Amino acid sequence: MRFLFLIHLQNARQSIKSNRLRSFLTMVGITIGVASITTIMALSAGANKIVSTQVDALGGNIAVVRPGAPTNDAFSQLAGDHQFAASTLTDIDVASIKDIEHVSAVAPLMVIGGAVSGNSDAPANTPIVATTPELQAVSNIQIADGQFLDPNLIASTAVIGPQLSVNLFGTEHSIGQTIRVKGEPFTIIGVMKRTNSPINYNNVDFDNAVLINLESGRALNQGSSHLQQINVQSDSVTHLTSVITTINKTLLRNHLNEVDFAVLSGTQVAQPTSRIFTAIAGVSVAIAAISLIVGGVGIMNIMLVSVAERTREIGIRKALGASNRDIVAQFLIESLVLSIGGGVAGYLLGYAVAFAISTFLTFDPILNWEVAGVAIGVSLIIGTLFGIYPAIRAARRDPISALRQYE
């Protein structure tokens, strides 16, 4: 059996070599499809790892409260989506959480829209984040120059991201400069350290953001709070579970037993962002699969042509005792060689493209066996599905008719 398999492999190799250009063009469709899937999966895994790594780096004592009932819908669970709907989180919730035993810090986040300007105008989508000084400790925000928000300073002070500083003043050293947020003047007292990580569990690109005190945010928002998130830090990892339980009970009481909020911790914090990337990757993979179907049709077409060209060979093999099973195996192996060859080439090409694209992004693609398994698995499936019909057709050839065809 093993000897027969090697013979089939040798026959497949000879057939491909005798029609190099035709075989190459047939594999191109598979190569493009697998390369597309590999690129998407590698980049998606890299994006997901960013948030997971950030959550792990927090030390395991962080919980996040977000508005809206818990859901498995990736798109609606993103905190950013709640910027466009009425938030269910209030200042009363923040005060209640602060009073919970073993809570060491609470940092609410209110993201508001509006124009930001300095010596020049900032991009229209510049995040304006109203928060409290506790955010620095809870989210491990590093300051490159100056200081973070301080309740002892006047309200009209701001901390900005390094890239926003460059956009507004042409330098990352803009301490003492004045910016206008929604038309109101703020003095810059600090510039954050560059993170090059627009993807994070706060859903805020801190490199391009301006941070102001929560009181100032309320004033800019017609006196009301519109909290997209509340970050909570417990005094130890061991107390986090009890803190989360108490937060749920407290907020249920505040919200009249209506579950219109979600308390997340550990890997749950990263799930909404991870799900959105997974959903996008799934849609993209589905689109890329179209090229795989085209490649599969190409394999079927070339195998049908091969069967027609080798009718006499099939007749001779069957006359010498080859069974239908042997003929099916011969042509199916040839189909699999074409698809797997295209799959391996696509896998390598896909990672090359992923690393090339990552030079323009803030994260790197992930090398793992899952992507390799998907690439080879897809190739095997395509080769089998689109190669089985030509192989069966070859096996059903009548040996006498096949031998007479070229007399």
Protein backbone atom coordinates (compact mmCIF):
# COMPACT_ATOMS: atom_id res chain seq x y z
CA MET A 1 0.00 0.00 0.00
CA ARG A 2 2.81 2.37 0.89
CA PHE A 3 4.66 1.45 -2.29
CA LEU A 4 1.52 2.17 -4.34
CA PHE A 5 1.13 5.56 -2.63
CA LEU A 6 4.71 6.47 -3.55
CA ILE A 7 4.03 5.44 -7.14
CA HIS A 8 0.99 7.74 -7.20
CA LEU A 9 3.09 10.59 -5.83
CA GLN A 10 5.72 10.00 -8.49
CA ASN A 11 3.06 9.94 -11.22
CA ALA A 12 1.59 13.20 -9.87
CA ARG A 13 5.04 14.79 -9.88
CA GLN A 14 5.68 13.70 -13.47
CA SER A 15 2.28 14.96 -14.60
CA ILE A 16 2.84 18.37 -12.97
CA LYS A 17 6.36 18.62 -14.42
CA SER A 18 5.14 17.82 -17.92
CA ASN A 19 2.64 20.70 -17.66
CA ARG A 20 4.53 23.21 -15.53
CA LEU A 21 2.80 26.39 -16.68
CA ARG A 22 -0.67 24.86 -16.52
CA SER A 23 -0.03 23.45 -13.06
CA PHE A 24 1.42 26.77 -11.83
CA LEU A 25 -1.59 28.75 -13.02
CA THR A 26 -3.89 26.21 -11.38
CA MET A 27 -2.14 26.60 -8.02
CA VAL A 28 -2.26 30.41 -8.18
CA GLY A 29 -5.94 30.48 -7.21
CA ILE A 30 -5.30 28.34 -4.12
CA THR A 31 -2.19 30.38 -3.27
CA ILE A 32 -4.07 33.68 -3.36
CA GLY A 33 -6.96 32.34 -1.27
CA VAL A 34 -4.76 30.77 1.42
CA ALA A 35 -2.49 33.84 1.46
CA SER A 36 -5.50 36.09 2.08
CA ILE A 37 -6.77 33.92 4.93
CA THR A 38 -3.29 33.65 6.47
CA THR A 39 -2.76 37.41 6.35
CA ILE A 40 -6.12 38.15 7.96
CA MET A 41 -5.78 35.54 10.72
CA ALA A 42 -2.18 36.53 11.56
CA LEU A 43 -3.02 40.23 11.84
CA SER A 44 -6.23 39.56 13.75
CA ALA A 45 -4.36 37.41 16.27
CA GLY A 46 -1.78 40.17 16.67
CA ALA A 47 -4.47 42.78 17.34
CA ASN A 48 -6.21 40.53 19.87
CA LYS A 49 -2.96 39.90 21.71
CA ILE A 50 -2.43 43.62 22.32
CA VAL A 51 -5.49 43.95 24.56
CA SER A 52 -4.85 40.62 26.30
CA THR A 53 -1.27 41.67 27.08
CA GLN A 54 -2.45 45.02 28.46
CA VAL A 55 -4.96 43.33 30.73
CA ASP A 56 -2.33 40.88 31.99
CA ALA A 57 0.06 43.75 32.70
CA LEU A 58 -2.47 45.42 35.01
CA GLY A 59 -1.75 42.84 37.69
CA GLY A 60 -5.08 41.06 37.83
CA ASN A 61 -6.78 43.49 40.23
CA ILE A 62 -8.71 45.59 37.70
CA ALA A 63 -12.43 45.50 36.93
CA VAL A 64 -14.20 47.55 34.28
CA VAL A 65 -17.81 48.72 34.42
CA ARG A 66 -19.46 49.52 31.10
CA PRO A 67 -22.99 50.69 30.29
CA GLY A 68 -25.46 48.32 28.69
CA ALA A 69 -26.49 44.80 29.62
CA PRO A 70 -23.91 42.01 29.11
CA THR A 71 -24.11 40.62 25.59
CA ASN A 72 -22.21 38.33 23.25
CA ASP A 73 -22.71 40.77 20.39
CA ALA A 74 -19.20 42.01 19.61
CA PHE A 75 -20.37 45.19 17.91
CA SER A 76 -22.78 46.39 20.59
CA GLN A 77 -20.49 45.41 23.49
CA LEU A 78 -17.70 47.77 22.52
CA ALA A 79 -17.54 50.72 24.89
CA GLY A 80 -17.08 53.03 21.98
CA ASP A 81 -20.53 52.21 20.70
CA HIS A 82 -22.06 53.63 23.87
CA GLN A 83 -20.71 57.06 23.03
CA PHE A 84 -23.65 57.39 20.67
CA ALA A 85 -26.33 56.28 23.13
CA ALA A 86 -27.45 57.41 26.56
CA SER A 87 -25.10 55.97 29.16
CA THR A 88 -26.60 54.16 32.12
CA LEU A 89 -23.62 54.98 34.38
CA THR A 90 -23.82 58.02 36.64
CA ASP A 91 -21.79 60.00 39.15
CA ILE A 92 -23.82 58.29 41.87
CA ASP A 93 -22.47 54.92 40.64
CA VAL A 94 -18.91 56.24 40.85
CA ALA A 95 -19.45 57.49 44.41
CA SER A 96 -21.07 54.20 45.43
CA ILE A 97 -18.18 52.14 44.03
CA LYS A 98 -15.65 54.31 45.88
CA ASP A 99 -17.34 53.40 49.17
CA ILE A 100 -17.01 49.66 48.57
CA GLU A 101 -14.55 47.88 50.85
CA HIS A 102 -11.19 46.90 49.28
CA VAL A 103 -11.59 49.37 46.37
CA SER A 104 -8.35 51.35 46.16
CA ALA A 105 -9.05 53.53 43.10
CA VAL A 106 -11.93 54.42 40.79
CA ALA A 107 -11.44 56.20 37.47
CA PRO A 108 -14.50 57.14 35.40
CA LEU A 109 -14.07 57.93 31.72
CA MET A 110 -16.30 60.33 29.81
CA VAL A 111 -15.42 60.75 26.15
CA ILE A 112 -16.96 63.85 24.60
CA GLY A 113 -16.87 65.19 21.09
CA GLY A 114 -15.67 68.63 20.07
CA ALA A 115 -12.96 70.66 18.38
CA VAL A 116 -9.43 70.84 19.79
CA SER A 117 -6.95 73.47 18.65
CA GLY A 118 -3.60 74.99 19.55
CA ASN A 119 -1.23 76.65 17.10
CA SER A 120 -3.12 74.52 14.57
CA ASP A 121 -6.30 72.50 14.57
CA ALA A 122 -6.33 68.90 15.75
CA PRO A 123 -7.99 66.15 13.68
CA ALA A 124 -11.78 66.11 13.95
CA ASN A 125 -11.84 62.75 15.75
CA THR A 126 -9.45 63.76 18.56
CA PRO A 127 -10.64 62.05 21.79
CA ILE A 128 -11.52 64.42 24.63
CA VAL A 129 -11.47 62.35 27.80
CA ALA A 130 -12.84 63.70 31.08
CA THR A 131 -11.56 61.65 34.01
CA THR A 132 -9.97 61.76 37.45
CA PRO A 133 -6.32 61.59 38.61
CA GLU A 134 -6.83 57.92 39.59
CA LEU A 135 -6.77 56.95 35.90
CA GLN A 136 -2.98 57.25 35.89
CA ALA A 137 -2.57 54.46 38.44
CA VAL A 138 -5.45 52.30 37.27
CA SER A 139 -4.44 52.31 33.58
CA ASN A 140 -0.69 52.64 34.17
CA ILE A 141 -0.38 55.87 32.18
CA GLN A 142 3.19 57.13 31.98
CA ILE A 143 4.04 60.84 31.85
CA ALA A 144 6.96 61.93 29.65
CA ASP A 145 6.91 65.60 30.62
CA GLY A 146 5.15 67.54 33.35
CA GLN A 147 2.52 65.90 35.57
CA PHE A 148 -0.86 64.20 35.45
CA LEU A 149 -4.22 65.73 36.37
CA ASP A 150 -4.34 67.07 39.92
CA PRO A 151 -7.47 68.10 41.88
CA ASN A 152 -5.42 70.76 43.67
CA LEU A 153 -4.77 72.63 40.42
CA ILE A 154 -7.23 74.87 38.62
CA ALA A 155 -9.87 73.07 36.60
CA SER A 156 -8.75 74.43 33.23
CA THR A 157 -5.68 72.19 32.97
CA ALA A 158 -5.09 69.33 30.55
CA VAL A 159 -2.78 66.44 29.82
CA ILE A 160 -2.30 65.56 26.15
CA GLY A 161 -0.80 62.76 24.10
CA PRO A 162 2.60 63.15 22.46
CA GLN A 163 1.27 62.90 18.91
CA LEU A 164 -1.45 65.45 19.63
CA SER A 165 1.27 67.74 21.01
CA VAL A 166 3.19 67.39 17.76
CA ASN A 167 0.04 68.01 15.72
CA LEU A 168 -0.83 71.17 17.65
CA PHE A 169 2.58 72.69 18.39
CA GLY A 170 5.13 70.79 16.31
CA THR A 171 6.85 69.34 19.38
CA GLU A 172 6.25 66.86 22.18
CA HIS A 173 7.40 69.48 24.70
CA SER A 174 4.34 71.71 25.00
CA ILE A 175 4.10 72.27 28.78
CA GLY A 176 2.56 75.67 29.53
CA GLN A 177 0.98 76.03 26.11
CA THR A 178 -2.72 76.80 25.82
CA ILE A 179 -5.16 74.69 23.87
CA ARG A 180 -8.82 75.27 23.21
CA VAL A 181 -11.24 72.40 23.86
CA LYS A 182 -14.72 73.08 22.48
CA GLY A 183 -13.76 76.76 22.51
CA GLU A 184 -12.63 76.81 26.16
CA PRO A 185 -8.92 77.48 27.04
CA PHE A 186 -6.91 74.82 28.90
CA THR A 187 -3.30 74.99 30.04
CA ILE A 188 -1.16 71.93 29.28
CA ILE A 189 0.46 70.58 32.45
CA GLY A 190 1.61 67.21 31.16
CA VAL A 191 2.42 65.19 28.05
CA MET A 192 1.95 61.43 28.19
CA LYS A 193 4.64 58.97 27.17
CA ARG A 194 4.16 57.56 23.69
CA THR A 195 2.56 54.11 23.64
CA ASN A 196 2.03 53.52 19.90
CA SER A 197 -0.99 51.47 20.95
CA PRO A 198 -4.32 52.93 19.79
CA ILE A 199 -5.95 49.58 20.61
CA ASN A 200 -6.57 49.17 24.34
CA TYR A 201 -9.28 48.20 26.79
CA ASN A 202 -10.14 51.87 27.38
CA ASN A 203 -10.92 52.29 23.68
CA VAL A 204 -8.97 55.57 23.71
CA ASP A 205 -5.89 56.39 21.64
CA PHE A 206 -3.95 58.15 24.38
CA ASP A 207 -1.19 59.25 21.97
CA ASN A 208 -3.74 61.52 20.25
CA ALA A 209 -6.04 62.32 23.19
CA VAL A 210 -6.54 65.26 25.51
CA LEU A 211 -7.36 64.47 29.16
CA ILE A 212 -9.21 66.96 31.34
CA ASN A 213 -10.74 66.84 34.82
CA LEU A 214 -14.19 65.28 35.14
CA GLU A 215 -15.60 68.58 36.43
CA SER A 216 -14.38 70.36 33.31
CA GLY A 217 -15.88 67.61 31.18
CA ARG A 218 -19.26 68.12 32.82
CA ALA A 219 -19.06 71.86 32.13
CA LEU A 220 -18.29 71.19 28.46
CA ASN A 221 -21.16 68.67 28.34
CA GLN A 222 -23.87 71.07 29.56
CA GLY A 223 -23.35 70.05 33.17
CA SER A 224 -24.12 66.34 32.75
CA SER A 225 -21.94 63.24 32.95
CA HIS A 226 -21.96 60.71 30.14
CA LEU A 227 -19.69 57.94 31.40
CA GLN A 228 -18.57 55.34 28.88
CA GLN A 229 -16.55 53.34 31.41
CA ILE A 230 -15.58 53.12 35.07
CA ASN A 231 -12.22 51.52 35.86
CA VAL A 232 -12.02 49.99 39.33
CA GLN A 233 -8.86 48.84 41.12
CA SER A 234 -9.02 46.57 44.15
CA ASP A 235 -6.35 46.64 46.83
CA SER A 236 -5.33 43.05 45.97
CA VAL A 237 -6.03 40.26 43.50
CA THR A 238 -7.62 38.12 46.21
CA HIS A 239 -10.25 40.77 46.93
CA LEU A 240 -11.22 41.39 43.30
CA THR A 241 -13.95 38.73 43.21
CA SER A 242 -15.68 40.10 46.32
CA VAL A 243 -15.33 43.64 44.97
CA ILE A 244 -17.01 42.64 41.68
CA THR A 245 -19.84 40.92 43.56
CA THR A 246 -20.41 44.02 45.67
CA ILE A 247 -20.27 46.31 42.61
CA ASN A 248 -22.99 44.25 40.93
CA LYS A 249 -25.20 44.41 44.02
CA THR A 250 -24.60 48.13 44.50
CA LEU A 251 -25.29 49.09 40.90
CA LEU A 252 -28.39 46.89 40.80
CA ARG A 253 -29.70 48.83 43.78
CA ASN A 254 -28.79 52.15 42.15
CA HIS A 255 -30.45 51.10 38.88
CA LEU A 256 -33.63 49.77 40.48
CA ASN A 257 -32.72 46.12 39.79
CA GLU A 258 -32.32 46.73 36.07
CA VAL A 259 -29.24 45.02 34.57
CA ASP A 260 -28.19 47.83 32.24
CA PHE A 261 -24.47 47.57 32.97
CA ALA A 262 -21.67 45.00 32.73
CA VAL A 263 -18.82 44.41 35.19
CA LEU A 264 -15.84 42.78 33.47
CA SER A 265 -12.51 41.48 34.76
CA GLY A 266 -9.51 39.49 33.55
CA THR A 267 -9.88 38.18 30.02
CA GLN A 268 -13.48 39.49 29.95
CA VAL A 269 -12.10 43.03 29.68
CA ALA A 270 -10.43 42.12 26.39
CA GLN A 271 -13.34 40.09 25.01
CA PRO A 272 -15.36 42.92 23.44
CA THR A 273 -12.35 44.21 21.49
CA SER A 274 -11.21 40.68 20.67
CA ARG A 275 -14.68 39.77 19.43
CA ILE A 276 -14.84 42.75 17.10
CA PHE A 277 -11.52 41.76 15.51
CA THR A 278 -12.66 38.14 15.33
CA ALA A 279 -15.90 39.21 13.66
CA ILE A 280 -14.08 41.39 11.14
CA ALA A 281 -11.60 38.59 10.46
CA GLY A 282 -14.46 36.12 9.97
CA VAL A 283 -16.15 38.33 7.38
CA SER A 284 -12.84 38.94 5.61
CA VAL A 285 -12.03 35.22 5.58
CA ALA A 286 -15.44 34.48 4.09
CA ILE A 287 -14.72 36.95 1.30
CA ALA A 288 -11.24 35.48 0.77
CA ALA A 289 -12.81 32.02 0.52
CA ILE A 290 -14.31 33.05 -2.81
CA SER A 291 -10.85 32.94 -4.38
CA LEU A 292 -10.41 29.46 -2.91
CA ILE A 293 -13.57 28.31 -4.68
CA VAL A 294 -12.22 29.79 -7.91
CA GLY A 295 -8.96 27.95 -7.28
CA GLY A 296 -10.89 24.74 -6.61
CA VAL A 297 -12.80 25.09 -9.88
CA GLY A 298 -9.44 25.56 -11.59
CA ILE A 299 -8.19 22.29 -10.07
CA MET A 300 -11.31 20.45 -11.19
CA ASN A 301 -10.98 21.86 -14.68
CA ILE A 302 -7.33 20.90 -15.04
CA MET A 303 -7.98 17.43 -13.66
CA LEU A 304 -10.82 16.86 -16.12
CA VAL A 305 -8.49 17.90 -18.92
CA SER A 306 -5.84 15.56 -17.54
CA VAL A 307 -8.32 12.67 -17.45
CA ALA A 308 -9.28 13.32 -21.08
CA GLU A 309 -5.63 13.50 -22.18
CA ARG A 310 -4.66 10.30 -20.33
CA THR A 311 -7.55 8.11 -21.39
CA ARG A 312 -5.24 5.55 -22.99
CA GLU A 313 -3.03 5.47 -19.88
CA ILE A 314 -6.11 4.77 -17.78
CA GLY A 315 -7.10 1.93 -20.15
CA ILE A 316 -3.65 0.37 -19.95
CA ARG A 317 -3.58 0.57 -16.14
CA LYS A 318 -6.99 -1.03 -15.83
CA ALA A 319 -6.07 -3.72 -18.39
CA LEU A 320 -3.02 -4.57 -16.27
CA GLY A 321 -5.19 -5.03 -13.18
CA ALA A 322 -5.56 -1.57 -11.64
CA SER A 323 -8.81 -1.28 -9.73
CA ASN A 324 -11.21 1.65 -9.76
CA ARG A 325 -9.93 2.46 -6.30
CA ASP A 326 -6.35 2.68 -7.62
CA ILE A 327 -7.39 5.05 -10.40
CA VAL A 328 -9.34 7.25 -7.98
CA ALA A 329 -6.35 7.37 -5.63
CA GLN A 330 -3.99 8.25 -8.48
CA PHE A 331 -5.93 11.28 -9.69
CA LEU A 332 -7.05 12.37 -6.20
CA ILE A 333 -3.43 12.42 -5.02
CA GLU A 334 -2.52 14.51 -8.05
CA SER A 335 -5.29 16.97 -7.15
CA LEU A 336 -4.09 17.10 -3.53
CA VAL A 337 -0.50 17.74 -4.60
CA LEU A 338 -1.69 20.76 -6.59
CA SER A 339 -3.86 22.13 -3.75
CA ILE A 340 -1.35 21.51 -0.95
CA GLY A 341 1.45 23.01 -3.05
CA GLY A 342 -0.68 26.11 -3.54
CA GLY A 343 -1.58 26.09 0.17
CA VAL A 344 2.03 26.00 1.37
CA ALA A 345 2.96 28.78 -1.07
CA GLY A 346 -0.06 30.77 0.10
CA TYR A 347 0.85 30.30 3.76
CA LEU A 348 4.36 31.66 3.21
CA LEU A 349 3.11 34.49 1.01
CA GLY A 350 0.40 35.36 3.53
CA TYR A 351 2.88 35.83 6.36
CA ALA A 352 5.17 37.86 4.12
CA VAL A 353 2.24 40.17 3.31
CA ALA A 354 1.17 40.30 6.99
CA PHE A 355 4.63 41.41 8.13
CA ALA A 356 4.77 43.94 5.30
CA ILE A 357 1.40 45.41 6.36
CA SER A 358 2.43 45.43 10.03
CA THR A 359 5.15 48.00 9.26
CA PHE A 360 2.29 50.50 8.91
CA LEU A 361 0.49 49.28 12.06
CA THR A 362 1.20 49.34 15.77
CA PHE A 363 1.25 45.57 16.24
CA ASP A 364 2.89 42.53 14.67
CA PRO A 365 1.22 39.45 13.22
CA ILE A 366 1.26 36.30 15.33
CA LEU A 367 3.00 33.12 14.21
CA ASN A 368 1.13 30.08 15.50
CA TRP A 369 0.23 26.54 14.50
CA GLU A 370 -3.45 27.36 14.25
CA VAL A 371 -2.92 29.46 11.13
CA ALA A 372 -0.72 26.75 9.60
CA GLY A 373 -3.36 24.14 10.42
CA VAL A 374 -6.08 26.22 8.78
CA ALA A 375 -3.94 26.78 5.67
CA ILE A 376 -3.14 23.09 5.20
CA GLY A 377 -6.65 22.00 6.22
CA VAL A 378 -8.30 24.32 3.71
CA SER A 379 -5.93 23.09 0.99
CA LEU A 380 -6.77 19.46 1.76
CA ILE A 381 -10.51 20.16 1.70
CA ILE A 382 -10.33 22.07 -1.60
CA GLY A 383 -8.12 19.42 -3.20
CA THR A 384 -10.47 16.63 -2.10
CA LEU A 385 -13.76 18.33 -2.93
CA PHE A 386 -12.74 19.49 -6.38
CA GLY A 387 -10.57 16.49 -7.21
CA ILE A 388 -12.95 13.67 -6.32
CA TYR A 389 -15.26 14.09 -9.33
CA PRO A 390 -12.50 13.96 -11.98
CA ALA A 391 -10.95 10.99 -10.13
CA ILE A 392 -14.26 9.08 -10.10
CA ARG A 393 -14.82 9.94 -13.75
CA ALA A 394 -11.39 8.53 -14.60
CA ALA A 395 -12.12 5.34 -12.64
CA ARG A 396 -15.37 4.76 -14.52
CA ARG A 397 -13.65 4.68 -17.89
CA ASP A 398 -14.15 1.40 -19.70
CA PRO A 399 -10.68 -0.05 -20.35
CA ILE A 400 -11.57 -1.47 -23.78
CA SER A 401 -13.11 1.80 -24.96
CA ALA A 402 -10.17 3.72 -23.53
CA LEU A 403 -7.66 1.54 -25.42
CA ARG A 404 -9.62 1.78 -28.68
CA GLN A 405 -9.92 5.55 -28.49
CA TYR A 406 -6.44 6.17 -29.89
CA GLU A 407 -6.15 3.21 -32.30
